[in-house]
């Protein structure tokens, strides 16, 4: 078994790890995008609600409505703050997954480079063996022709 063939199981394992890391990276990116979209929606809703409240306020509102607005806005702001933290955590997770994927991908590339070098070494050795065998046959033919 050649050196390049002995590394095939290692390459397979590394490629599996790379696919798993890529899958985890894609899932992390998907979650981050969803969290970012939710944050955009919450901010847009707050702006819309604030604008709507301003319109209502021009016509006058009761103290109860004002209190309900403040409570609702405080809850909405808390939800936005929470969502911002989710986005930050998602961004960190994505960056971690990206770093891991780059590391695993680098290992796969390095192993493939080693296998390629081993394969080239194997090819050169086979060529040398073939050349040596041909030279040996040529010598044998020459010896036979001398003796004849």
N, C-alpha and C. Protein backbone atom coordinates (compact mmCIF):
# COMPACT_ATOMS: atom_id res chain seq x y z
N UNK A 1 0.86 -1.18 0.00
CA UNK A 1 0.00 0.00 0.00
C UNK A 1 0.90 1.24 0.00
N UNK A 2 0.60 2.18 -0.87
CA UNK A 2 1.42 3.38 -0.98
C UNK A 2 1.07 4.37 0.13
N UNK A 3 1.96 5.32 0.30
CA UNK A 3 1.72 6.34 1.33
C UNK A 3 0.42 7.09 1.07
N UNK A 4 0.19 7.43 -0.20
CA UNK A 4 -1.03 8.19 -0.53
C UNK A 4 -2.28 7.37 -0.24
N UNK A 5 -2.22 6.06 -0.46
CA UNK A 5 -3.38 5.21 -0.18
C UNK A 5 -3.62 5.06 1.32
N UNK A 6 -2.53 5.05 2.10
CA UNK A 6 -2.68 4.92 3.55
C UNK A 6 -3.35 6.14 4.16
N UNK A 7 -3.22 7.27 3.50
CA UNK A 7 -3.83 8.50 4.03
C UNK A 7 -5.30 8.67 3.64
N UNK A 8 -5.80 7.84 2.74
CA UNK A 8 -7.19 7.99 2.30
C UNK A 8 -8.20 7.97 3.44
N UNK A 9 -8.10 7.07 4.42
CA UNK A 9 -9.07 7.09 5.53
C UNK A 9 -8.98 8.40 6.34
N UNK A 10 -7.77 8.91 6.50
CA UNK A 10 -7.59 10.17 7.23
C UNK A 10 -8.25 11.31 6.46
N UNK A 11 -8.08 11.30 5.16
CA UNK A 11 -8.70 12.32 4.30
C UNK A 11 -10.22 12.23 4.41
N UNK A 12 -10.76 11.01 4.37
CA UNK A 12 -12.21 10.85 4.46
C UNK A 12 -12.75 11.43 5.77
N UNK A 13 -12.08 11.12 6.87
CA UNK A 13 -12.51 11.64 8.17
C UNK A 13 -12.43 13.17 8.17
N UNK A 14 -11.35 13.71 7.64
CA UNK A 14 -11.18 15.16 7.60
C UNK A 14 -12.25 15.82 6.73
N UNK A 15 -12.56 15.21 5.61
CA UNK A 15 -13.59 15.76 4.73
C UNK A 15 -14.96 15.70 5.40
N UNK A 16 -15.22 14.65 6.15
CA UNK A 16 -16.48 14.54 6.90
C UNK A 16 -16.56 15.66 7.93
N UNK A 17 -15.45 15.87 8.63
CA UNK A 17 -15.42 16.96 9.62
C UNK A 17 -15.63 18.31 8.94
N UNK A 18 -15.06 18.47 7.76
CA UNK A 18 -15.23 19.74 7.04
C UNK A 18 -16.70 19.94 6.66
N UNK A 19 -17.33 18.88 6.16
CA UNK A 19 -18.76 18.99 5.81
C UNK A 19 -19.60 19.31 7.04
N UNK A 20 -19.28 18.66 8.17
CA UNK A 20 -20.01 18.94 9.40
C UNK A 20 -19.80 20.39 9.84
N UNK A 21 -18.57 20.87 9.74
CA UNK A 21 -18.27 22.26 10.11
C UNK A 21 -18.99 23.22 9.17
N UNK A 22 -19.04 22.89 7.89
CA UNK A 22 -19.74 23.75 6.92
C UNK A 22 -21.24 23.77 7.20
N UNK A 23 -21.78 22.61 7.56
CA UNK A 23 -23.21 22.53 7.89
C UNK A 23 -23.51 23.37 9.14
N UNK A 24 -22.65 23.26 10.16
CA UNK A 24 -22.83 24.05 11.39
C UNK A 24 -22.72 25.53 11.09
N UNK A 25 -21.79 25.89 10.21
CA UNK A 25 -21.62 27.29 9.81
C UNK A 25 -22.88 27.80 9.11
N UNK A 26 -23.41 27.01 8.21
CA UNK A 26 -24.63 27.42 7.48
C UNK A 26 -25.81 27.58 8.43
N UNK A 27 -25.94 26.65 9.38
CA UNK A 27 -27.03 26.76 10.35
C UNK A 27 -26.87 28.00 11.22
N UNK A 28 -25.64 28.27 11.62
CA UNK A 28 -25.37 29.45 12.44
C UNK A 28 -25.69 30.73 11.66
N UNK A 29 -25.32 30.75 10.39
CA UNK A 29 -25.61 31.93 9.54
C UNK A 29 -27.11 32.10 9.40
N UNK A 30 -27.82 31.00 9.20
CA UNK A 30 -29.28 31.06 9.06
C UNK A 30 -29.92 31.63 10.33
N UNK A 31 -29.47 31.15 11.49
CA UNK A 31 -30.00 31.65 12.76
C UNK A 31 -29.69 33.13 12.93
N UNK A 32 -28.48 33.53 12.58
CA UNK A 32 -28.10 34.94 12.69
C UNK A 32 -28.98 35.81 11.81
N UNK A 33 -29.20 35.39 10.59
CA UNK A 33 -30.05 36.16 9.67
C UNK A 33 -31.47 36.27 10.21
N UNK A 34 -31.98 35.17 10.77
CA UNK A 34 -33.34 35.21 11.35
C UNK A 34 -33.41 36.18 12.53
N UNK A 35 -32.38 36.13 13.38
CA UNK A 35 -32.35 37.04 14.53
C UNK A 35 -32.25 38.49 14.09
N UNK A 36 -31.43 38.74 13.10
CA UNK A 36 -31.30 40.11 12.59
C UNK A 36 -32.61 40.59 11.98
N UNK A 37 -33.28 39.74 11.26
CA UNK A 37 -34.57 40.11 10.66
C UNK A 37 -35.60 40.40 11.75
N UNK A 38 -35.60 39.59 12.80
CA UNK A 38 -36.53 39.83 13.91
C UNK A 38 -36.25 41.17 14.58
N UNK A 39 -34.97 41.50 14.73
CA UNK A 39 -34.59 42.79 15.32
C UNK A 39 -35.05 43.94 14.43
N UNK A 40 -34.88 43.81 13.16
CA UNK A 40 -35.34 44.84 12.22
C UNK A 40 -36.86 45.00 12.34
N UNK A 41 -37.57 43.89 12.41
CA UNK A 41 -39.03 43.94 12.55
C UNK A 41 -39.43 44.65 13.84
N UNK A 42 -38.77 44.31 14.94
CA UNK A 42 -39.11 44.94 16.23
C UNK A 42 -38.84 46.44 16.19
N UNK A 43 -37.71 46.84 15.62
CA UNK A 43 -37.41 48.28 15.52
C UNK A 43 -38.42 48.99 14.63
N UNK A 44 -38.80 48.35 13.54
CA UNK A 44 -39.78 48.95 12.63
C UNK A 44 -41.13 49.07 13.34
N UNK A 45 -41.49 48.05 14.11
CA UNK A 45 -42.75 48.10 14.84
C UNK A 45 -42.74 49.22 15.88
N UNK A 46 -41.60 49.38 16.57
CA UNK A 46 -41.51 50.46 17.56
C UNK A 46 -41.67 51.82 16.88
N UNK A 47 -41.01 52.00 15.73
CA UNK A 47 -41.13 53.27 15.01
C UNK A 47 -42.58 53.50 14.56
N UNK A 48 -43.20 52.46 14.05
CA UNK A 48 -44.58 52.57 13.60
C UNK A 48 -45.51 52.89 14.77
N UNK A 49 -45.31 52.21 15.88
CA UNK A 49 -46.15 52.42 17.05
C UNK A 49 -45.94 53.82 17.61
N UNK A 50 -44.69 54.29 17.63
CA UNK A 50 -44.40 55.63 18.13
C UNK A 50 -45.04 56.69 17.24
N UNK A 51 -44.96 56.47 15.92
CA UNK A 51 -45.58 57.42 14.99
C UNK A 51 -47.10 57.42 15.16
N UNK A 52 -47.67 56.24 15.32
CA UNK A 52 -49.12 56.14 15.50
C UNK A 52 -49.53 56.82 16.82
N UNK A 53 -48.73 56.64 17.85
CA UNK A 53 -49.04 57.26 19.14
C UNK A 53 -48.96 58.78 19.03
N UNK A 54 -47.97 59.28 18.26
CA UNK A 54 -47.86 60.73 18.08
C UNK A 54 -49.12 61.28 17.43
N UNK A 55 -49.65 60.56 16.46
CA UNK A 55 -50.88 60.99 15.79
C UNK A 55 -52.04 61.00 16.78
N UNK A 56 -52.11 59.94 17.59
CA UNK A 56 -53.17 59.89 18.59
C UNK A 56 -53.00 61.00 19.61
N UNK A 57 -51.78 61.29 19.99
CA UNK A 57 -51.48 62.29 21.01
C UNK A 57 -51.92 63.68 20.59
N UNK A 58 -51.88 63.96 19.31
CA UNK A 58 -52.30 65.27 18.83
C UNK A 58 -53.79 65.50 19.09
N UNK A 59 -54.52 64.43 19.11
CA UNK A 59 -55.96 64.52 19.35
C UNK A 59 -56.28 64.43 20.83
N UNK A 60 -55.25 64.19 21.64
CA UNK A 60 -55.45 64.09 23.09
C UNK A 60 -55.74 62.66 23.50
N UNK A 61 -55.08 62.24 24.58
CA UNK A 61 -55.30 60.88 25.07
C UNK A 61 -55.46 60.94 26.59
N UNK A 62 -56.02 59.90 27.10
CA UNK A 62 -56.26 59.86 28.55
C UNK A 62 -54.97 59.42 29.26
N UNK A 63 -54.95 59.62 30.56
CA UNK A 63 -53.80 59.22 31.38
C UNK A 63 -53.64 57.70 31.34
N UNK A 64 -54.76 56.99 31.27
CA UNK A 64 -54.70 55.52 31.21
C UNK A 64 -54.04 55.09 29.91
N UNK A 65 -54.43 55.72 28.80
CA UNK A 65 -53.83 55.38 27.50
C UNK A 65 -52.34 55.72 27.49
N UNK A 66 -52.00 56.86 28.10
CA UNK A 66 -50.59 57.24 28.17
C UNK A 66 -49.81 56.21 28.98
N UNK A 67 -50.36 55.77 30.09
CA UNK A 67 -49.69 54.77 30.92
C UNK A 67 -49.56 53.43 30.18
N UNK A 68 -50.62 53.04 29.48
CA UNK A 68 -50.57 51.80 28.70
C UNK A 68 -49.50 51.89 27.60
N UNK A 69 -49.41 53.07 26.99
CA UNK A 69 -48.39 53.28 25.95
C UNK A 69 -47.00 53.14 26.54
N UNK A 70 -46.77 53.75 27.69
CA UNK A 70 -45.44 53.68 28.33
C UNK A 70 -45.08 52.24 28.70
N UNK A 71 -46.04 51.52 29.25
CA UNK A 71 -45.79 50.12 29.62
C UNK A 71 -45.49 49.29 28.37
N UNK A 72 -46.32 49.48 27.35
CA UNK A 72 -46.12 48.74 26.11
C UNK A 72 -44.76 49.07 25.50
N UNK A 73 -44.42 50.34 25.46
CA UNK A 73 -43.14 50.76 24.88
C UNK A 73 -41.97 50.22 25.71
N UNK A 74 -42.11 50.20 27.02
CA UNK A 74 -41.05 49.63 27.87
C UNK A 74 -40.87 48.14 27.56
N UNK A 75 -41.98 47.43 27.41
CA UNK A 75 -41.91 46.00 27.06
C UNK A 75 -41.29 45.80 25.68
N UNK A 76 -41.66 46.63 24.75
CA UNK A 76 -41.12 46.55 23.39
C UNK A 76 -39.62 46.85 23.40
N UNK A 77 -39.21 47.86 24.16
CA UNK A 77 -37.78 48.18 24.26
C UNK A 77 -37.01 47.03 24.92
N UNK A 78 -37.62 46.39 25.91
CA UNK A 78 -36.97 45.24 26.54
C UNK A 78 -36.81 44.09 25.53
N UNK A 79 -37.83 43.89 24.71
CA UNK A 79 -37.77 42.84 23.68
C UNK A 79 -36.67 43.17 22.67
N UNK A 80 -36.54 44.44 22.33
CA UNK A 80 -35.50 44.86 21.38
C UNK A 80 -34.12 44.65 21.99
N UNK A 81 -33.96 45.01 23.24
CA UNK A 81 -32.68 44.81 23.92
C UNK A 81 -32.33 43.33 23.97
N UNK A 82 -33.30 42.50 24.29
CA UNK A 82 -33.08 41.06 24.32
C UNK A 82 -32.69 40.54 22.93
N UNK A 83 -33.40 41.03 21.92
CA UNK A 83 -33.11 40.59 20.55
C UNK A 83 -31.71 41.05 20.11
N UNK A 84 -31.32 42.25 20.53
CA UNK A 84 -29.96 42.72 20.21
C UNK A 84 -28.91 41.80 20.81
N UNK A 85 -29.17 41.33 22.03
CA UNK A 85 -28.23 40.39 22.66
C UNK A 85 -28.21 39.06 21.90
N UNK A 86 -29.37 38.63 21.45
CA UNK A 86 -29.42 37.40 20.64
C UNK A 86 -28.62 37.57 19.35
N UNK A 87 -28.74 38.73 18.74
CA UNK A 87 -27.98 39.00 17.51
C UNK A 87 -26.48 39.00 17.81
N UNK A 88 -26.08 39.65 18.89
CA UNK A 88 -24.66 39.67 19.26
C UNK A 88 -24.15 38.26 19.51
N UNK A 89 -24.91 37.47 20.26
CA UNK A 89 -24.52 36.08 20.52
C UNK A 89 -24.46 35.28 19.22
N UNK A 90 -25.43 35.50 18.37
CA UNK A 90 -25.45 34.82 17.07
C UNK A 90 -24.26 35.20 16.21
N UNK A 91 -23.88 36.47 16.27
CA UNK A 91 -22.71 36.93 15.51
C UNK A 91 -21.44 36.26 16.02
N UNK A 92 -21.31 36.19 17.35
CA UNK A 92 -20.14 35.52 17.94
C UNK A 92 -20.11 34.03 17.57
N UNK A 93 -21.26 33.41 17.66
CA UNK A 93 -21.35 31.99 17.32
C UNK A 93 -20.98 31.77 15.85
N UNK A 94 -21.49 32.64 14.98
CA UNK A 94 -21.17 32.53 13.56
C UNK A 94 -19.67 32.69 13.33
N UNK A 95 -19.08 33.67 13.98
CA UNK A 95 -17.64 33.89 13.82
C UNK A 95 -16.84 32.69 14.34
N UNK A 96 -17.29 32.09 15.44
CA UNK A 96 -16.63 30.88 15.96
C UNK A 96 -16.74 29.73 14.96
N UNK A 97 -17.93 29.53 14.42
CA UNK A 97 -18.14 28.46 13.45
C UNK A 97 -17.32 28.70 12.18
N UNK A 98 -17.22 29.96 11.79
CA UNK A 98 -16.42 30.31 10.61
C UNK A 98 -14.95 30.01 10.86
N UNK A 99 -14.46 30.35 12.04
CA UNK A 99 -13.06 30.09 12.40
C UNK A 99 -12.80 28.58 12.40
N UNK A 100 -13.71 27.83 12.99
CA UNK A 100 -13.56 26.37 13.03
C UNK A 100 -13.55 25.80 11.62
N UNK A 101 -14.48 26.27 10.78
CA UNK A 101 -14.53 25.78 9.41
C UNK A 101 -13.22 26.08 8.67
N UNK A 102 -12.70 27.29 8.86
CA UNK A 102 -11.42 27.64 8.22
C UNK A 102 -10.31 26.71 8.69
N UNK A 103 -10.27 26.40 9.97
CA UNK A 103 -9.25 25.50 10.50
C UNK A 103 -9.38 24.11 9.89
N UNK A 104 -10.59 23.59 9.89
CA UNK A 104 -10.82 22.25 9.36
C UNK A 104 -10.52 22.23 7.86
N UNK A 105 -10.95 23.27 7.16
CA UNK A 105 -10.69 23.35 5.72
C UNK A 105 -9.19 23.41 5.44
N UNK A 106 -8.46 24.14 6.28
CA UNK A 106 -7.01 24.22 6.13
C UNK A 106 -6.35 22.86 6.30
N UNK A 107 -6.84 22.08 7.27
CA UNK A 107 -6.31 20.73 7.48
C UNK A 107 -6.57 19.84 6.27
N UNK A 108 -7.78 19.94 5.72
CA UNK A 108 -8.12 19.13 4.55
C UNK A 108 -7.22 19.51 3.38
N UNK A 109 -7.04 20.80 3.16
CA UNK A 109 -6.16 21.24 2.07
C UNK A 109 -4.73 20.75 2.29
N UNK A 110 -4.25 20.84 3.53
CA UNK A 110 -2.89 20.38 3.83
C UNK A 110 -2.77 18.88 3.58
N UNK A 111 -3.75 18.12 4.04
CA UNK A 111 -3.71 16.67 3.82
C UNK A 111 -3.77 16.33 2.33
N UNK A 112 -4.60 17.05 1.60
CA UNK A 112 -4.68 16.82 0.16
C UNK A 112 -3.35 17.14 -0.52
N UNK A 113 -2.68 18.18 -0.04
CA UNK A 113 -1.36 18.52 -0.57
C UNK A 113 -0.35 17.43 -0.28
N UNK A 114 -0.40 16.88 0.92
CA UNK A 114 0.51 15.79 1.28
C UNK A 114 0.22 14.56 0.43
N UNK A 115 -1.05 14.23 0.27
CA UNK A 115 -1.42 13.08 -0.55
C UNK A 115 -0.95 13.29 -1.99
N UNK A 116 -1.10 14.49 -2.49
CA UNK A 116 -0.66 14.79 -3.86
C UNK A 116 0.86 14.59 -3.98
N UNK A 117 1.60 15.09 -2.98
CA UNK A 117 3.06 14.90 -3.01
C UNK A 117 3.41 13.42 -2.95
N UNK A 118 2.74 12.68 -2.07
CA UNK A 118 2.99 11.25 -1.97
C UNK A 118 2.65 10.55 -3.29
N UNK A 119 1.56 10.97 -3.90
CA UNK A 119 1.15 10.38 -5.17
C UNK A 119 2.22 10.65 -6.24
N UNK A 120 2.71 11.87 -6.28
CA UNK A 120 3.77 12.20 -7.24
C UNK A 120 5.03 11.39 -6.95
N UNK A 121 5.38 11.25 -5.67
CA UNK A 121 6.53 10.41 -5.29
C UNK A 121 6.32 8.97 -5.75
N UNK A 122 5.11 8.47 -5.54
CA UNK A 122 4.80 7.11 -5.97
C UNK A 122 4.93 6.97 -7.48
N UNK A 123 4.46 7.96 -8.21
CA UNK A 123 4.55 7.94 -9.67
C UNK A 123 6.02 7.97 -10.13
N UNK A 124 6.83 8.81 -9.48
CA UNK A 124 8.25 8.87 -9.84
C UNK A 124 8.94 7.55 -9.53
N UNK A 125 8.62 6.95 -8.40
CA UNK A 125 9.21 5.66 -8.03
C UNK A 125 8.80 4.58 -9.03
N UNK A 126 7.53 4.59 -9.44
CA UNK A 126 7.06 3.61 -10.42
C UNK A 126 7.77 3.82 -11.75
N UNK A 127 7.95 5.06 -12.14
CA UNK A 127 8.65 5.37 -13.39
C UNK A 127 10.09 4.88 -13.31
N UNK A 128 10.74 5.11 -12.17
CA UNK A 128 12.12 4.63 -12.00
C UNK A 128 12.18 3.11 -12.06
N UNK A 129 11.22 2.44 -11.43
CA UNK A 129 11.20 0.98 -11.47
C UNK A 129 11.01 0.48 -12.90
N UNK A 130 10.08 1.12 -13.62
CA UNK A 130 9.84 0.72 -15.01
C UNK A 130 11.10 0.94 -15.85
N UNK A 131 11.74 2.09 -15.64
CA UNK A 131 12.95 2.39 -16.40
C UNK A 131 14.05 1.38 -16.06
N UNK A 132 14.17 1.05 -14.79
CA UNK A 132 15.17 0.08 -14.35
C UNK A 132 14.90 -1.28 -14.97
N UNK A 133 13.62 -1.67 -14.99
CA UNK A 133 13.25 -2.96 -15.58
C UNK A 133 13.54 -2.96 -17.07
N UNK A 134 13.24 -1.87 -17.74
CA UNK A 134 13.53 -1.77 -19.18
C UNK A 134 15.03 -1.82 -19.43
N UNK A 135 15.80 -1.12 -18.60
CA UNK A 135 17.25 -1.15 -18.73
C UNK A 135 17.77 -2.57 -18.52
N UNK A 136 17.21 -3.28 -17.56
CA UNK A 136 17.61 -4.66 -17.28
C UNK A 136 17.31 -5.55 -18.47
N UNK A 137 16.13 -5.40 -19.05
CA UNK A 137 15.76 -6.19 -20.23
C UNK A 137 16.67 -5.88 -21.40
N UNK A 138 16.97 -4.58 -21.55
CA UNK A 138 17.86 -4.18 -22.65
C UNK A 138 19.24 -4.81 -22.46
N UNK A 139 19.73 -4.84 -21.24
CA UNK A 139 21.03 -5.46 -20.95
C UNK A 139 20.99 -6.96 -21.24
N UNK A 140 19.87 -7.60 -20.86
CA UNK A 140 19.74 -9.04 -21.10
C UNK A 140 19.71 -9.33 -22.60
N UNK A 141 19.00 -8.50 -23.34
CA UNK A 141 18.93 -8.68 -24.80
C UNK A 141 20.30 -8.49 -25.39
N UNK A 142 21.05 -7.49 -24.92
CA UNK A 142 22.37 -7.22 -25.41
C UNK A 142 23.31 -8.39 -25.10
N UNK A 143 23.19 -8.96 -23.89
CA UNK A 143 24.00 -10.10 -23.50
C UNK A 143 23.70 -11.31 -24.38
N UNK A 144 22.42 -11.51 -24.65
CA UNK A 144 22.02 -12.64 -25.50
C UNK A 144 22.56 -12.48 -26.90
N UNK A 145 22.49 -11.25 -27.42
CA UNK A 145 22.97 -11.01 -28.78
C UNK A 145 24.48 -11.15 -28.87
N UNK A 146 25.21 -10.87 -27.82
CA UNK A 146 26.68 -11.04 -27.78
C UNK A 146 27.04 -12.52 -27.79
N UNK A 147 26.25 -13.27 -27.01
CA UNK A 147 26.52 -14.69 -26.88
C UNK A 147 26.10 -15.47 -28.12
N UNK A 148 25.30 -14.93 -28.93
CA UNK A 148 24.82 -15.65 -30.12
C UNK A 148 25.74 -15.54 -31.27
